[in-house]
N, C-alpha and C. Protein backbone atom coordinates (compact mmCIF):
# COMPACT_ATOMS: atom_id res chain seq x y z
N LEU A 1 89.51 144.14 55.26
CA LEU A 1 89.86 143.05 56.13
C LEU A 1 90.53 143.56 57.39
N SER A 2 90.11 142.99 58.50
CA SER A 2 90.72 143.33 59.77
C SER A 2 91.89 142.39 60.03
N LEU A 3 92.93 142.91 60.64
CA LEU A 3 94.11 142.09 60.94
C LEU A 3 93.90 141.16 62.14
N TYR A 4 92.96 141.51 63.01
CA TYR A 4 92.84 140.77 64.27
C TYR A 4 91.67 139.80 64.31
N SER A 5 90.85 139.79 63.37
CA SER A 5 89.72 138.85 63.41
C SER A 5 89.88 137.82 62.32
N SER A 6 89.40 136.64 62.61
CA SER A 6 89.44 135.57 61.63
C SER A 6 88.02 135.04 61.46
N PRO A 7 87.73 134.53 60.35
CA PRO A 7 86.37 134.03 60.15
C PRO A 7 86.09 132.83 61.06
N ALA A 8 84.89 132.75 61.58
CA ALA A 8 84.49 131.65 62.46
C ALA A 8 84.37 130.37 61.65
N ARG A 9 84.97 129.34 62.16
CA ARG A 9 84.91 128.06 61.46
C ARG A 9 83.75 127.24 62.00
N GLU A 10 83.18 126.53 61.14
CA GLU A 10 82.09 125.64 61.53
C GLU A 10 82.69 124.26 61.81
N THR A 11 82.80 123.89 63.09
CA THR A 11 83.32 122.58 63.45
C THR A 11 82.21 121.77 64.08
N LYS A 12 82.25 120.54 63.84
CA LYS A 12 81.21 119.66 64.35
C LYS A 12 81.87 118.35 64.76
N TYR A 13 81.58 117.88 65.98
CA TYR A 13 82.13 116.62 66.48
C TYR A 13 81.22 115.50 66.02
N VAL A 14 81.80 114.51 65.40
CA VAL A 14 81.04 113.37 64.91
C VAL A 14 81.63 112.12 65.56
N GLU A 15 80.79 111.37 66.29
CA GLU A 15 81.24 110.13 66.91
C GLU A 15 81.24 109.02 65.88
N ASN A 16 82.25 108.20 65.98
CA ASN A 16 82.26 107.02 65.12
C ASN A 16 81.25 106.02 65.65
N PRO A 17 80.53 105.37 64.81
CA PRO A 17 79.57 104.37 65.30
C PRO A 17 80.31 103.19 65.93
N GLN A 18 79.70 102.64 67.00
CA GLN A 18 80.33 101.51 67.67
C GLN A 18 80.16 100.25 66.83
N THR A 19 81.20 99.45 66.87
CA THR A 19 81.12 98.16 66.18
C THR A 19 80.40 97.16 67.07
N GLN A 20 80.10 96.00 66.54
CA GLN A 20 79.43 94.96 67.33
C GLN A 20 80.31 94.50 68.48
N LEU A 21 81.60 94.42 68.25
CA LEU A 21 82.52 94.00 69.31
C LEU A 21 82.53 95.01 70.45
N GLU A 22 82.59 96.28 70.12
CA GLU A 22 82.58 97.32 71.16
C GLU A 22 81.27 97.31 71.93
N GLU A 23 80.16 97.11 71.25
CA GLU A 23 78.87 97.04 71.93
C GLU A 23 78.80 95.82 72.85
N GLY A 24 79.32 94.69 72.38
CA GLY A 24 79.32 93.48 73.20
C GLY A 24 80.18 93.64 74.44
N VAL A 25 81.34 94.23 74.29
CA VAL A 25 82.21 94.46 75.45
C VAL A 25 81.56 95.43 76.42
N SER A 26 80.91 96.44 75.89
CA SER A 26 80.22 97.41 76.74
C SER A 26 79.10 96.74 77.53
N ARG A 27 78.30 95.90 76.88
CA ARG A 27 77.23 95.19 77.58
C ARG A 27 77.80 94.26 78.64
N LEU A 28 78.88 93.56 78.29
CA LEU A 28 79.51 92.64 79.25
C LEU A 28 80.04 93.39 80.48
N ARG A 29 80.64 94.54 80.26
CA ARG A 29 81.15 95.33 81.39
C ARG A 29 80.02 95.81 82.28
N HIS A 30 78.90 96.21 81.68
CA HIS A 30 77.76 96.65 82.48
C HIS A 30 77.14 95.50 83.26
N VAL A 31 77.10 94.32 82.67
CA VAL A 31 76.55 93.16 83.37
C VAL A 31 77.46 92.73 84.51
N MET A 32 78.77 92.77 84.27
CA MET A 32 79.73 92.28 85.26
C MET A 32 80.07 93.31 86.34
N GLU A 33 79.63 94.53 86.20
CA GLU A 33 80.00 95.59 87.14
C GLU A 33 79.63 95.28 88.59
N PRO A 34 78.43 94.77 88.91
CA PRO A 34 78.14 94.45 90.32
C PRO A 34 79.07 93.37 90.89
N TYR A 35 79.41 92.39 90.06
CA TYR A 35 80.27 91.31 90.53
C TYR A 35 81.70 91.80 90.77
N THR A 36 82.19 92.64 89.88
CA THR A 36 83.55 93.16 90.09
C THR A 36 83.60 94.08 91.29
N ALA A 37 82.54 94.85 91.51
CA ALA A 37 82.50 95.71 92.70
C ALA A 37 82.48 94.86 93.97
N TRP A 38 81.70 93.78 93.96
CA TRP A 38 81.65 92.88 95.11
C TRP A 38 83.02 92.25 95.34
N TRP A 39 83.68 91.82 94.26
CA TRP A 39 84.98 91.18 94.38
C TRP A 39 86.03 92.14 94.94
N THR A 40 86.08 93.38 94.43
CA THR A 40 87.06 94.33 94.94
C THR A 40 86.78 94.68 96.39
N GLU A 41 85.51 94.75 96.77
CA GLU A 41 85.17 95.00 98.18
C GLU A 41 85.63 93.84 99.05
N LEU A 42 85.44 92.62 98.57
CA LEU A 42 85.88 91.43 99.32
C LEU A 42 87.39 91.42 99.48
N ILE A 43 88.12 91.73 98.42
CA ILE A 43 89.58 91.75 98.46
C ILE A 43 90.06 92.84 99.42
N ASP A 44 89.48 94.03 99.35
CA ASP A 44 89.90 95.11 100.23
C ASP A 44 89.65 94.77 101.69
N SER A 45 88.50 94.15 101.99
CA SER A 45 88.22 93.80 103.38
C SER A 45 89.16 92.70 103.87
N SER A 46 89.52 91.76 103.00
CA SER A 46 90.42 90.69 103.42
C SER A 46 91.84 91.23 103.60
N LYS A 47 92.24 92.23 102.81
CA LYS A 47 93.56 92.83 102.99
C LYS A 47 93.67 93.47 104.36
N VAL A 48 92.61 94.14 104.79
CA VAL A 48 92.63 94.78 106.10
C VAL A 48 92.77 93.73 107.19
N LYS A 49 92.05 92.61 107.06
CA LYS A 49 92.13 91.55 108.07
C LYS A 49 93.51 90.92 108.10
N VAL A 50 94.11 90.68 106.93
CA VAL A 50 95.42 90.06 106.87
C VAL A 50 96.48 91.01 107.41
N ASP A 51 96.38 92.28 107.07
CA ASP A 51 97.38 93.24 107.54
C ASP A 51 97.34 93.39 109.04
N SER A 52 96.17 93.26 109.63
CA SER A 52 96.07 93.44 111.07
C SER A 52 96.36 92.17 111.85
N SER A 53 96.58 91.05 111.17
CA SER A 53 96.81 89.79 111.86
C SER A 53 98.31 89.51 111.98
N LEU A 54 98.65 88.24 112.07
CA LEU A 54 100.03 87.81 112.29
C LEU A 54 100.99 88.20 111.18
N CYS A 55 100.48 88.31 109.97
CA CYS A 55 101.37 88.50 108.83
C CYS A 55 102.18 89.78 108.94
N SER A 56 101.57 90.83 109.45
CA SER A 56 102.32 92.08 109.53
C SER A 56 103.50 91.94 110.48
N ASP A 57 103.30 91.22 111.61
CA ASP A 57 104.41 90.98 112.52
C ASP A 57 105.47 90.08 111.89
N PHE A 58 105.02 89.06 111.19
CA PHE A 58 105.94 88.12 110.56
C PHE A 58 106.78 88.83 109.50
N PHE A 59 106.14 89.62 108.66
CA PHE A 59 106.87 90.30 107.59
C PHE A 59 107.78 91.39 108.14
N SER A 60 107.35 92.06 109.21
CA SER A 60 108.22 93.10 109.77
C SER A 60 109.47 92.47 110.38
N GLU A 61 109.32 91.31 111.03
CA GLU A 61 110.49 90.62 111.57
C GLU A 61 111.41 90.15 110.45
N GLY A 62 110.82 89.63 109.37
CA GLY A 62 111.62 89.17 108.24
C GLY A 62 112.36 90.30 107.57
N CYS A 63 111.69 91.44 107.38
CA CYS A 63 112.34 92.60 106.77
C CYS A 63 113.45 93.13 107.67
N GLU A 64 113.21 93.13 108.95
CA GLU A 64 114.22 93.60 109.89
C GLU A 64 115.44 92.68 109.87
N PHE A 65 115.21 91.36 109.77
CA PHE A 65 116.31 90.41 109.70
C PHE A 65 117.12 90.61 108.43
N LEU A 66 116.43 90.84 107.29
CA LEU A 66 117.15 91.01 106.03
C LEU A 66 117.87 92.36 105.95
N GLN A 67 117.40 93.35 106.68
CA GLN A 67 118.10 94.64 106.70
C GLN A 67 119.35 94.59 107.56
N ASN A 68 119.32 93.79 108.62
CA ASN A 68 120.47 93.65 109.51
C ASN A 68 120.83 92.17 109.65
N PRO A 69 121.33 91.53 108.58
CA PRO A 69 121.60 90.10 108.66
C PRO A 69 122.87 89.82 109.46
N PRO A 70 122.99 88.59 109.97
CA PRO A 70 124.23 88.22 110.63
C PRO A 70 125.37 88.14 109.60
N ALA A 71 126.57 88.16 110.09
CA ALA A 71 127.73 88.15 109.20
C ALA A 71 127.75 86.87 108.37
N GLY A 72 127.97 87.00 107.07
CA GLY A 72 128.08 85.86 106.18
C GLY A 72 126.75 85.23 105.79
N PHE A 73 125.64 85.89 106.06
CA PHE A 73 124.34 85.31 105.75
C PHE A 73 124.09 85.21 104.24
N TYR A 74 124.36 86.27 103.51
CA TYR A 74 124.08 86.28 102.08
C TYR A 74 124.96 85.32 101.29
N PRO A 75 126.25 85.18 101.59
CA PRO A 75 127.03 84.14 100.89
C PRO A 75 126.51 82.73 101.16
N ARG A 76 126.12 82.47 102.40
CA ARG A 76 125.56 81.16 102.72
C ARG A 76 124.27 80.92 101.95
N LEU A 77 123.43 81.94 101.91
CA LEU A 77 122.17 81.85 101.18
C LEU A 77 122.42 81.60 99.69
N GLY A 78 123.44 82.24 99.16
CA GLY A 78 123.80 82.02 97.76
C GLY A 78 124.25 80.62 97.48
N VAL A 79 125.06 80.05 98.37
CA VAL A 79 125.55 78.68 98.17
C VAL A 79 124.39 77.69 98.27
N ILE A 80 123.50 77.89 99.22
CA ILE A 80 122.36 76.99 99.38
C ILE A 80 121.43 77.09 98.16
N GLY A 81 121.19 78.31 97.69
CA GLY A 81 120.36 78.49 96.50
C GLY A 81 121.00 77.89 95.26
N PHE A 82 122.32 78.05 95.13
CA PHE A 82 123.04 77.47 94.00
C PHE A 82 122.97 75.95 94.04
N ALA A 83 123.00 75.38 95.23
CA ALA A 83 122.87 73.92 95.36
C ALA A 83 121.50 73.47 94.84
N GLY A 84 120.47 74.25 95.10
CA GLY A 84 119.15 73.92 94.59
C GLY A 84 119.09 74.00 93.08
N ILE A 85 119.75 75.00 92.50
CA ILE A 85 119.78 75.13 91.04
C ILE A 85 120.56 73.96 90.41
N VAL A 86 121.66 73.58 91.03
CA VAL A 86 122.42 72.42 90.55
C VAL A 86 121.55 71.16 90.64
N GLY A 87 120.78 71.06 91.71
CA GLY A 87 119.87 69.92 91.85
C GLY A 87 118.84 69.89 90.74
N LEU A 88 118.31 71.04 90.35
CA LEU A 88 117.37 71.08 89.22
C LEU A 88 118.05 70.68 87.92
N PHE A 89 119.30 71.09 87.76
CA PHE A 89 120.04 70.74 86.56
C PHE A 89 120.30 69.24 86.48
N LEU A 90 120.62 68.65 87.61
CA LEU A 90 120.92 67.22 87.63
C LEU A 90 119.67 66.35 87.58
N ALA A 91 118.52 66.90 87.88
CA ALA A 91 117.29 66.11 87.99
C ALA A 91 116.55 66.03 86.67
N ARG A 92 117.21 65.56 85.66
CA ARG A 92 116.54 65.39 84.38
C ARG A 92 115.79 64.07 84.39
N GLY A 93 114.61 64.09 83.84
CA GLY A 93 113.86 62.85 83.76
C GLY A 93 112.57 62.91 84.54
N SER A 94 112.51 62.21 85.64
CA SER A 94 111.25 62.05 86.35
C SER A 94 110.94 63.25 87.25
N ARG A 95 109.70 63.34 87.61
CA ARG A 95 109.26 64.43 88.49
C ARG A 95 109.75 64.22 89.91
N ILE A 96 109.91 62.98 90.29
CA ILE A 96 110.39 62.70 91.65
C ILE A 96 111.81 63.21 91.81
N LYS A 97 112.64 63.02 90.78
CA LYS A 97 114.00 63.55 90.83
C LYS A 97 113.98 65.07 90.95
N LYS A 98 113.05 65.70 90.25
CA LYS A 98 112.98 67.17 90.30
C LYS A 98 112.56 67.67 91.67
N LEU A 99 111.95 66.84 92.47
CA LEU A 99 111.62 67.22 93.84
C LEU A 99 112.72 66.85 94.82
N VAL A 100 113.31 65.67 94.63
CA VAL A 100 114.26 65.14 95.61
C VAL A 100 115.64 65.78 95.48
N TYR A 101 116.17 65.87 94.27
CA TYR A 101 117.53 66.38 94.10
C TYR A 101 117.71 67.81 94.60
N PRO A 102 116.89 68.77 94.18
CA PRO A 102 117.11 70.13 94.69
C PRO A 102 116.92 70.23 96.20
N ALA A 103 115.88 69.57 96.72
CA ALA A 103 115.66 69.63 98.17
C ALA A 103 116.80 68.96 98.92
N GLY A 104 117.28 67.83 98.40
CA GLY A 104 118.38 67.12 99.06
C GLY A 104 119.66 67.93 99.05
N LEU A 105 120.02 68.50 97.89
CA LEU A 105 121.25 69.29 97.83
C LEU A 105 121.15 70.57 98.67
N MET A 106 119.97 71.18 98.68
CA MET A 106 119.82 72.37 99.53
C MET A 106 119.88 71.98 101.00
N GLY A 107 119.32 70.84 101.34
CA GLY A 107 119.39 70.36 102.72
C GLY A 107 120.82 70.07 103.14
N ILE A 108 121.61 69.46 102.24
CA ILE A 108 123.02 69.17 102.54
C ILE A 108 123.79 70.48 102.71
N GLY A 109 123.54 71.44 101.82
CA GLY A 109 124.22 72.73 101.93
C GLY A 109 123.85 73.47 103.20
N ALA A 110 122.56 73.44 103.55
CA ALA A 110 122.14 74.11 104.77
C ALA A 110 122.70 73.42 106.00
N SER A 111 122.79 72.09 105.97
CA SER A 111 123.33 71.38 107.14
C SER A 111 124.83 71.62 107.30
N MET A 112 125.53 71.95 106.20
CA MET A 112 126.95 72.28 106.32
C MET A 112 127.13 73.63 107.02
N TYR A 113 126.25 74.57 106.74
CA TYR A 113 126.40 75.90 107.33
C TYR A 113 125.72 76.01 108.70
N TYR A 114 124.68 75.23 108.91
CA TYR A 114 123.94 75.30 110.16
C TYR A 114 123.83 73.91 110.77
N PRO A 115 124.94 73.35 111.29
CA PRO A 115 124.92 71.96 111.77
C PRO A 115 124.06 71.76 113.02
N GLN A 116 124.03 72.74 113.92
CA GLN A 116 123.25 72.56 115.15
C GLN A 116 121.75 72.49 114.84
N GLN A 117 121.31 73.36 113.95
CA GLN A 117 119.89 73.34 113.58
C GLN A 117 119.56 72.06 112.81
N ALA A 118 120.49 71.55 112.00
CA ALA A 118 120.25 70.32 111.27
C ALA A 118 120.12 69.14 112.21
N VAL A 119 120.94 69.11 113.24
CA VAL A 119 120.86 68.03 114.22
C VAL A 119 119.55 68.10 114.96
N SER A 120 119.10 69.29 115.35
CA SER A 120 117.83 69.39 116.06
C SER A 120 116.66 69.00 115.17
N ILE A 121 116.71 69.32 113.90
CA ILE A 121 115.63 68.91 112.98
C ILE A 121 115.66 67.41 112.78
N ALA A 122 116.86 66.83 112.68
CA ALA A 122 116.97 65.38 112.50
C ALA A 122 116.46 64.64 113.73
N LYS A 123 116.67 65.19 114.92
CA LYS A 123 116.16 64.53 116.14
C LYS A 123 114.64 64.58 116.18
N VAL A 124 114.05 65.66 115.75
CA VAL A 124 112.60 65.79 115.78
C VAL A 124 111.95 64.85 114.77
N SER A 125 112.51 64.79 113.57
CA SER A 125 111.89 63.93 112.56
C SER A 125 112.41 62.51 112.69
């Protein structure tokens, strides 16, 4: 016996047979492949159009505003958001209450912090 050689093993790869479910899924994927390719192409082309339009300017301005907010912006935003949550809590029952109470309380909270803008909105409407 040699110390450095080992007997060659006979290995053989055996695939498990596909079940009916696996075959059905495989056929479905092959049938749907042109449609999914068309859909992803449509989505990719629309993303390019949206990114190059107004949205990129709008989002960049919004991100810039949130990175450098005016003093006291986040506490005010928290109070207004909390007013909306309280409105949802108080609006048990009808769907109309669930729309009116949170919007009304958030509007009252926003008008307390931003009275000039509230007056201008009230004049317009």
